N, C-alpha and C. Protein backbone atom coordinates (compact mmCIF):
# COMPACT_ATOMS: atom_id res chain seq x y z
N MET A 1 -6.44 16.16 0.76
CA MET A 1 -6.66 14.83 1.35
C MET A 1 -8.11 14.51 1.30
N LEU A 2 -8.41 13.25 1.07
CA LEU A 2 -9.82 12.86 1.11
C LEU A 2 -10.24 12.49 2.50
N TYR A 3 -11.46 12.89 2.84
CA TYR A 3 -12.08 12.52 4.12
C TYR A 3 -13.42 11.92 3.86
N SER A 4 -13.73 10.90 4.69
CA SER A 4 -15.17 10.32 4.71
C SER A 4 -15.92 11.04 5.80
N ILE A 5 -17.12 11.39 5.49
CA ILE A 5 -18.07 11.78 6.42
C ILE A 5 -19.19 10.76 6.57
N LEU A 6 -19.15 9.98 7.61
CA LEU A 6 -20.09 8.91 7.81
C LEU A 6 -21.31 9.49 8.63
N ILE A 7 -22.44 9.18 8.12
CA ILE A 7 -23.68 9.77 8.70
C ILE A 7 -24.42 8.61 9.52
N TYR A 8 -24.48 8.83 10.83
CA TYR A 8 -25.15 7.91 11.69
C TYR A 8 -26.44 8.49 12.25
N ASP A 9 -27.51 7.73 12.26
CA ASP A 9 -28.67 8.18 12.85
C ASP A 9 -29.58 6.99 13.22
N VAL A 10 -30.67 7.18 13.73
CA VAL A 10 -31.51 6.15 14.21
C VAL A 10 -32.50 5.74 13.17
N ASP A 11 -32.51 4.50 12.73
CA ASP A 11 -33.39 3.95 11.64
C ASP A 11 -34.78 4.37 11.86
N GLU A 12 -35.29 4.29 13.08
CA GLU A 12 -36.71 4.54 13.37
C GLU A 12 -37.04 6.00 13.01
N ALA A 13 -36.09 6.95 13.25
CA ALA A 13 -36.39 8.33 12.95
C ALA A 13 -36.46 8.58 11.47
N VAL A 14 -35.63 7.89 10.74
CA VAL A 14 -35.72 7.95 9.25
C VAL A 14 -36.99 7.33 8.71
N ASP A 15 -37.35 6.18 9.25
CA ASP A 15 -38.51 5.47 8.83
C ASP A 15 -39.84 6.28 9.13
N ALA A 16 -39.78 7.10 10.16
CA ALA A 16 -40.95 7.90 10.53
C ALA A 16 -41.18 9.09 9.66
N LEU A 17 -40.12 9.45 8.79
CA LEU A 17 -40.42 10.55 7.90
C LEU A 17 -41.41 10.36 6.86
N SER A 18 -42.31 11.30 6.63
CA SER A 18 -43.23 11.14 5.59
C SER A 18 -42.49 11.29 4.24
N PRO A 19 -43.06 10.90 3.15
CA PRO A 19 -42.41 11.07 1.87
C PRO A 19 -41.98 12.59 1.58
N GLU A 20 -42.84 13.44 2.05
CA GLU A 20 -42.51 14.87 1.81
C GLU A 20 -41.38 15.28 2.72
N GLU A 21 -41.32 14.81 3.94
CA GLU A 21 -40.21 15.23 4.80
C GLU A 21 -38.85 14.64 4.32
N ASP A 22 -38.97 13.40 3.85
CA ASP A 22 -37.79 12.65 3.29
C ASP A 22 -37.32 13.43 2.07
N ALA A 23 -38.22 13.84 1.19
CA ALA A 23 -37.75 14.66 0.00
C ALA A 23 -37.20 15.96 0.38
N ALA A 24 -37.72 16.57 1.45
CA ALA A 24 -37.09 17.87 1.87
C ALA A 24 -35.71 17.60 2.43
N LEU A 25 -35.51 16.58 3.18
CA LEU A 25 -34.18 16.27 3.75
C LEU A 25 -33.15 15.93 2.57
N MET A 26 -33.56 15.23 1.60
CA MET A 26 -32.73 14.95 0.46
C MET A 26 -32.47 16.23 -0.34
N ALA A 27 -33.43 17.08 -0.49
CA ALA A 27 -33.16 18.34 -1.13
C ALA A 27 -32.09 19.15 -0.48
N ARG A 28 -32.10 19.14 0.85
CA ARG A 28 -31.03 19.80 1.59
C ARG A 28 -29.62 19.22 1.36
N HIS A 29 -29.60 17.90 1.26
CA HIS A 29 -28.34 17.27 0.95
C HIS A 29 -27.92 17.60 -0.48
N LEU A 30 -28.84 17.57 -1.40
CA LEU A 30 -28.46 17.95 -2.87
C LEU A 30 -27.98 19.33 -2.92
N ALA A 31 -28.54 20.26 -2.10
CA ALA A 31 -27.94 21.66 -2.11
C ALA A 31 -26.49 21.67 -1.59
N VAL A 32 -26.16 20.88 -0.63
CA VAL A 32 -24.73 20.87 -0.18
C VAL A 32 -23.92 20.18 -1.20
N GLN A 33 -24.46 19.12 -1.86
CA GLN A 33 -23.69 18.45 -2.89
C GLN A 33 -23.39 19.37 -4.14
N ASP A 34 -24.38 20.14 -4.47
CA ASP A 34 -24.17 21.11 -5.56
C ASP A 34 -23.06 22.09 -5.26
N ARG A 35 -23.09 22.56 -4.07
CA ARG A 35 -22.02 23.60 -3.63
C ARG A 35 -20.66 22.91 -3.60
N LEU A 36 -20.51 21.68 -3.10
CA LEU A 36 -19.33 20.89 -3.04
C LEU A 36 -18.78 20.61 -4.46
N ARG A 37 -19.72 20.25 -5.33
CA ARG A 37 -19.35 19.88 -6.76
C ARG A 37 -18.75 21.10 -7.40
N VAL A 38 -19.34 22.28 -7.24
CA VAL A 38 -18.86 23.54 -7.83
C VAL A 38 -17.45 23.83 -7.24
N GLU A 39 -17.26 23.56 -5.97
CA GLU A 39 -16.02 23.84 -5.35
C GLU A 39 -14.90 22.77 -5.61
N GLY A 40 -15.33 21.69 -6.29
CA GLY A 40 -14.37 20.62 -6.72
C GLY A 40 -14.06 19.76 -5.51
N LYS A 41 -14.87 19.71 -4.48
CA LYS A 41 -14.59 18.99 -3.29
C LYS A 41 -15.42 17.64 -3.18
N LEU A 42 -16.38 17.38 -4.01
CA LEU A 42 -17.24 16.29 -3.87
C LEU A 42 -16.84 14.99 -4.51
N GLY A 43 -16.75 13.98 -3.69
CA GLY A 43 -16.45 12.63 -4.15
C GLY A 43 -17.73 11.80 -4.16
N PRO A 44 -17.58 10.42 -4.08
CA PRO A 44 -18.77 9.62 -3.98
C PRO A 44 -19.69 9.92 -2.80
N VAL A 45 -20.96 9.86 -2.98
CA VAL A 45 -21.94 9.95 -1.93
C VAL A 45 -22.90 8.83 -2.05
N VAL A 46 -23.14 8.14 -0.92
CA VAL A 46 -24.19 7.08 -1.01
C VAL A 46 -25.18 7.17 0.13
N ARG A 47 -26.40 6.76 -0.15
CA ARG A 47 -27.37 6.59 0.97
C ARG A 47 -27.67 5.14 1.08
N LEU A 48 -27.40 4.61 2.20
CA LEU A 48 -27.63 3.14 2.44
C LEU A 48 -29.04 2.84 2.53
N SER A 49 -29.36 1.51 2.19
CA SER A 49 -30.69 0.96 2.52
C SER A 49 -30.82 0.89 4.03
N PRO A 50 -32.04 0.68 4.51
CA PRO A 50 -32.27 0.63 5.96
C PRO A 50 -31.43 -0.52 6.51
N SER A 51 -31.04 -0.38 7.76
CA SER A 51 -30.19 -1.40 8.43
C SER A 51 -30.82 -2.77 8.39
N ALA A 52 -32.09 -2.86 8.38
CA ALA A 52 -32.74 -4.24 8.43
C ALA A 52 -32.35 -5.06 7.15
N ALA A 53 -31.91 -4.32 6.11
CA ALA A 53 -31.53 -4.96 4.80
C ALA A 53 -30.01 -5.47 4.89
N ALA A 54 -29.33 -5.07 5.91
CA ALA A 54 -27.91 -5.34 6.00
C ALA A 54 -27.70 -6.81 6.36
N ARG A 55 -26.52 -7.26 5.97
CA ARG A 55 -26.05 -8.62 6.41
C ARG A 55 -24.60 -8.43 6.90
N THR A 56 -24.26 -9.24 7.82
CA THR A 56 -22.84 -9.10 8.39
C THR A 56 -22.15 -10.43 8.16
N LEU A 57 -20.96 -10.34 7.62
CA LEU A 57 -20.13 -11.60 7.43
C LEU A 57 -19.03 -11.54 8.40
N ARG A 58 -18.99 -12.61 9.20
CA ARG A 58 -17.81 -12.73 10.16
C ARG A 58 -16.92 -13.91 9.63
N PRO A 59 -15.75 -13.51 9.00
CA PRO A 59 -14.94 -14.57 8.41
C PRO A 59 -14.26 -15.45 9.47
N GLY A 60 -13.79 -16.56 9.02
CA GLY A 60 -13.21 -17.47 9.89
C GLY A 60 -13.21 -18.83 9.19
N ASP A 61 -12.82 -19.87 10.00
CA ASP A 61 -12.79 -21.24 9.47
C ASP A 61 -14.21 -21.59 8.95
N GLU A 62 -15.29 -21.21 9.68
CA GLU A 62 -16.57 -21.45 9.29
C GLU A 62 -17.29 -20.01 9.27
N PRO A 63 -17.23 -19.34 8.11
CA PRO A 63 -17.80 -17.94 8.02
C PRO A 63 -19.21 -17.95 8.45
N LEU A 64 -19.57 -16.99 9.17
CA LEU A 64 -20.94 -16.76 9.72
C LEU A 64 -21.56 -15.57 9.09
N VAL A 65 -22.70 -15.71 8.43
CA VAL A 65 -23.45 -14.57 7.93
C VAL A 65 -24.72 -14.38 8.71
N THR A 66 -24.91 -13.21 9.26
CA THR A 66 -26.10 -12.87 9.99
C THR A 66 -26.81 -11.70 9.42
N ASP A 67 -28.03 -11.61 9.73
CA ASP A 67 -28.87 -10.42 9.29
C ASP A 67 -28.58 -9.29 10.21
N GLY A 68 -28.70 -8.05 9.57
CA GLY A 68 -28.56 -6.92 10.34
C GLY A 68 -27.17 -6.26 10.25
N PRO A 69 -26.99 -5.07 10.79
CA PRO A 69 -25.69 -4.37 10.72
C PRO A 69 -24.79 -4.96 11.77
N PHE A 70 -23.52 -4.71 11.57
CA PHE A 70 -22.43 -5.21 12.53
C PHE A 70 -22.56 -4.63 13.87
N ALA A 71 -22.63 -3.28 13.88
CA ALA A 71 -22.62 -2.60 15.24
C ALA A 71 -24.00 -2.70 15.90
N GLU A 72 -23.91 -2.96 17.13
CA GLU A 72 -25.17 -2.99 17.96
C GLU A 72 -25.18 -1.77 18.76
N THR A 73 -25.71 -0.66 18.04
CA THR A 73 -25.77 0.58 18.70
C THR A 73 -27.13 1.15 18.44
N LYS A 74 -27.41 2.28 19.12
CA LYS A 74 -28.70 3.01 18.86
C LYS A 74 -28.70 3.60 17.50
N GLU A 75 -27.62 4.15 17.00
CA GLU A 75 -27.52 4.79 15.74
C GLU A 75 -26.88 3.76 14.75
N GLN A 76 -27.30 3.84 13.43
CA GLN A 76 -26.87 2.99 12.43
C GLN A 76 -26.24 3.88 11.35
N LEU A 77 -25.31 3.34 10.55
CA LEU A 77 -24.67 4.04 9.44
C LEU A 77 -25.67 4.09 8.30
N LEU A 78 -26.05 5.42 7.95
CA LEU A 78 -27.05 5.58 6.97
C LEU A 78 -26.55 5.94 5.62
N GLY A 79 -25.29 6.52 5.55
CA GLY A 79 -24.78 6.92 4.30
C GLY A 79 -23.41 7.54 4.54
N LEU A 80 -22.79 8.05 3.43
CA LEU A 80 -21.44 8.61 3.55
C LEU A 80 -21.21 9.55 2.35
N TYR A 81 -20.29 10.57 2.66
CA TYR A 81 -19.84 11.38 1.62
C TYR A 81 -18.28 11.15 1.65
N VAL A 82 -17.66 11.36 0.49
CA VAL A 82 -16.15 11.47 0.45
C VAL A 82 -15.88 12.89 -0.10
N VAL A 83 -15.11 13.63 0.57
CA VAL A 83 -14.83 15.01 0.24
C VAL A 83 -13.35 15.27 0.21
N ASP A 84 -12.87 16.17 -0.66
CA ASP A 84 -11.52 16.52 -0.87
C ASP A 84 -11.24 17.85 -0.11
N CYS A 85 -10.52 17.81 1.02
CA CYS A 85 -10.35 19.00 1.83
C CYS A 85 -8.83 19.15 2.28
N ALA A 86 -8.48 20.31 2.51
CA ALA A 86 -7.11 20.63 2.90
C ALA A 86 -6.85 20.23 4.30
N THR A 87 -7.87 20.16 5.23
CA THR A 87 -7.68 19.90 6.60
C THR A 87 -8.91 19.17 7.17
N ALA A 88 -8.66 18.46 8.21
CA ALA A 88 -9.82 17.86 8.90
C ALA A 88 -10.84 18.83 9.46
N ASP A 89 -10.39 20.11 9.76
CA ASP A 89 -11.42 21.10 10.17
C ASP A 89 -12.21 21.49 9.03
N GLU A 90 -11.70 21.58 7.79
CA GLU A 90 -12.60 21.89 6.60
C GLU A 90 -13.61 20.75 6.44
N ALA A 91 -13.20 19.49 6.60
CA ALA A 91 -14.16 18.43 6.47
C ALA A 91 -15.23 18.48 7.57
N ALA A 92 -14.85 18.87 8.76
CA ALA A 92 -15.82 19.12 9.87
C ALA A 92 -16.79 20.23 9.56
N GLU A 93 -16.33 21.33 8.83
CA GLU A 93 -17.25 22.34 8.45
C GLU A 93 -18.25 21.85 7.49
N ILE A 94 -17.82 21.02 6.52
CA ILE A 94 -18.72 20.46 5.59
C ILE A 94 -19.72 19.62 6.19
N ALA A 95 -19.25 18.71 7.19
CA ALA A 95 -20.21 17.85 7.89
C ALA A 95 -21.20 18.73 8.64
N HIS A 96 -20.76 19.86 9.24
CA HIS A 96 -21.69 20.68 10.00
C HIS A 96 -22.76 21.24 9.13
N SER A 97 -22.54 21.41 7.80
CA SER A 97 -23.49 21.99 6.89
C SER A 97 -24.45 20.89 6.38
N LEU A 98 -24.26 19.65 6.69
CA LEU A 98 -25.16 18.54 6.22
C LEU A 98 -26.36 18.44 7.19
N PRO A 99 -27.56 18.19 6.57
CA PRO A 99 -28.72 17.95 7.44
C PRO A 99 -28.66 16.64 8.14
N VAL A 100 -29.16 16.63 9.34
CA VAL A 100 -29.21 15.38 10.17
C VAL A 100 -30.40 15.42 11.02
N LEU A 101 -31.06 14.27 11.33
CA LEU A 101 -32.19 14.27 12.16
C LEU A 101 -31.74 14.49 13.61
N SER A 102 -31.21 13.48 14.15
CA SER A 102 -30.75 13.55 15.55
C SER A 102 -29.40 12.83 15.72
N GLY A 103 -28.78 12.46 14.68
CA GLY A 103 -27.52 11.65 14.66
C GLY A 103 -26.28 12.34 14.82
N VAL A 104 -25.18 11.65 14.43
CA VAL A 104 -23.84 12.22 14.51
C VAL A 104 -23.14 11.92 13.23
N PHE A 105 -22.02 12.67 13.05
CA PHE A 105 -21.20 12.46 11.85
C PHE A 105 -19.78 11.87 12.43
N GLU A 106 -19.17 10.97 11.70
CA GLU A 106 -17.84 10.54 11.96
C GLU A 106 -16.97 10.98 10.80
N ILE A 107 -15.85 11.61 11.04
CA ILE A 107 -15.04 12.19 10.02
C ILE A 107 -13.74 11.41 10.06
N ARG A 108 -13.31 10.75 8.98
CA ARG A 108 -12.02 10.10 8.88
C ARG A 108 -11.30 10.41 7.63
N PRO A 109 -9.89 10.45 7.72
CA PRO A 109 -9.20 10.53 6.45
C PRO A 109 -9.29 9.18 5.75
N VAL A 110 -9.31 9.25 4.44
CA VAL A 110 -9.39 8.02 3.67
C VAL A 110 -8.35 8.06 2.53
N ARG A 111 -7.95 6.94 2.04
CA ARG A 111 -7.13 6.79 0.87
C ARG A 111 -7.77 5.78 0.04
N ALA A 112 -7.96 6.11 -1.25
CA ALA A 112 -8.45 5.16 -2.14
C ALA A 112 -7.35 4.60 -3.01
N PHE A 113 -7.19 3.36 -3.05
CA PHE A 113 -6.13 2.70 -3.77
C PHE A 113 -6.64 2.00 -5.01
N PHE A 114 -5.98 2.12 -6.06
CA PHE A 114 -6.30 1.47 -7.36
C PHE A 114 -5.06 0.99 -8.08
N PRO A 115 -5.10 0.02 -8.82
CA PRO A 115 -3.86 -0.34 -9.52
C PRO A 115 -3.15 0.79 -10.19
N GLY A 116 -1.93 0.93 -10.01
CA GLY A 116 -1.25 2.11 -10.56
C GLY A 116 -1.03 3.23 -9.65
N GLY A 117 -1.69 3.23 -8.48
CA GLY A 117 -1.54 4.35 -7.54
C GLY A 117 -2.80 4.82 -6.90
N GLU A 118 -2.65 5.83 -6.10
CA GLU A 118 -3.74 6.42 -5.36
C GLU A 118 -4.52 7.34 -6.20
N LEU A 119 -5.85 7.32 -6.09
CA LEU A 119 -6.75 8.18 -6.84
C LEU A 119 -7.08 9.43 -6.08
N THR A 120 -7.10 10.57 -6.68
CA THR A 120 -7.59 11.81 -6.05
C THR A 120 -8.80 12.25 -6.84
N LEU A 121 -9.56 13.18 -6.22
CA LEU A 121 -10.76 13.71 -6.93
C LEU A 121 -10.32 14.36 -8.21
N ALA A 122 -9.17 15.01 -8.30
CA ALA A 122 -8.68 15.68 -9.49
C ALA A 122 -8.53 14.69 -10.58
N ASP A 123 -8.12 13.48 -10.22
CA ASP A 123 -7.96 12.44 -11.28
C ASP A 123 -9.25 12.05 -11.97
N GLN A 124 -10.38 12.30 -11.29
CA GLN A 124 -11.70 11.91 -11.84
C GLN A 124 -12.18 12.85 -12.86
N ALA A 125 -11.67 14.07 -12.87
CA ALA A 125 -12.18 15.19 -13.71
C ALA A 125 -11.92 14.93 -15.16
């Protein structure tokens, strides 16, 4: 089953990183990605631009587009992994291995749909 691991943290904490600290954090992520790739568990991974670059669309009769992320919380969505795991516990173990500054991870089962059926990581090989 595919699971998303959503990475939430505080924009200000990420913005405060020096280029060297950011590179070290990304190197830790790349090490986890390398391990997951070898295990055949790694799907798409993205790092989002800062929340200040986000726009929110609220559909309706008169759609409203506003600047900033949808959620008004202390932590913002910074990025996500998609991993192929047998159980939610295995996905939680992977999340536990990911570096984080002070934030949290949200783990959810996901299904990717494409014309002709559902896609699995094995289909991408």
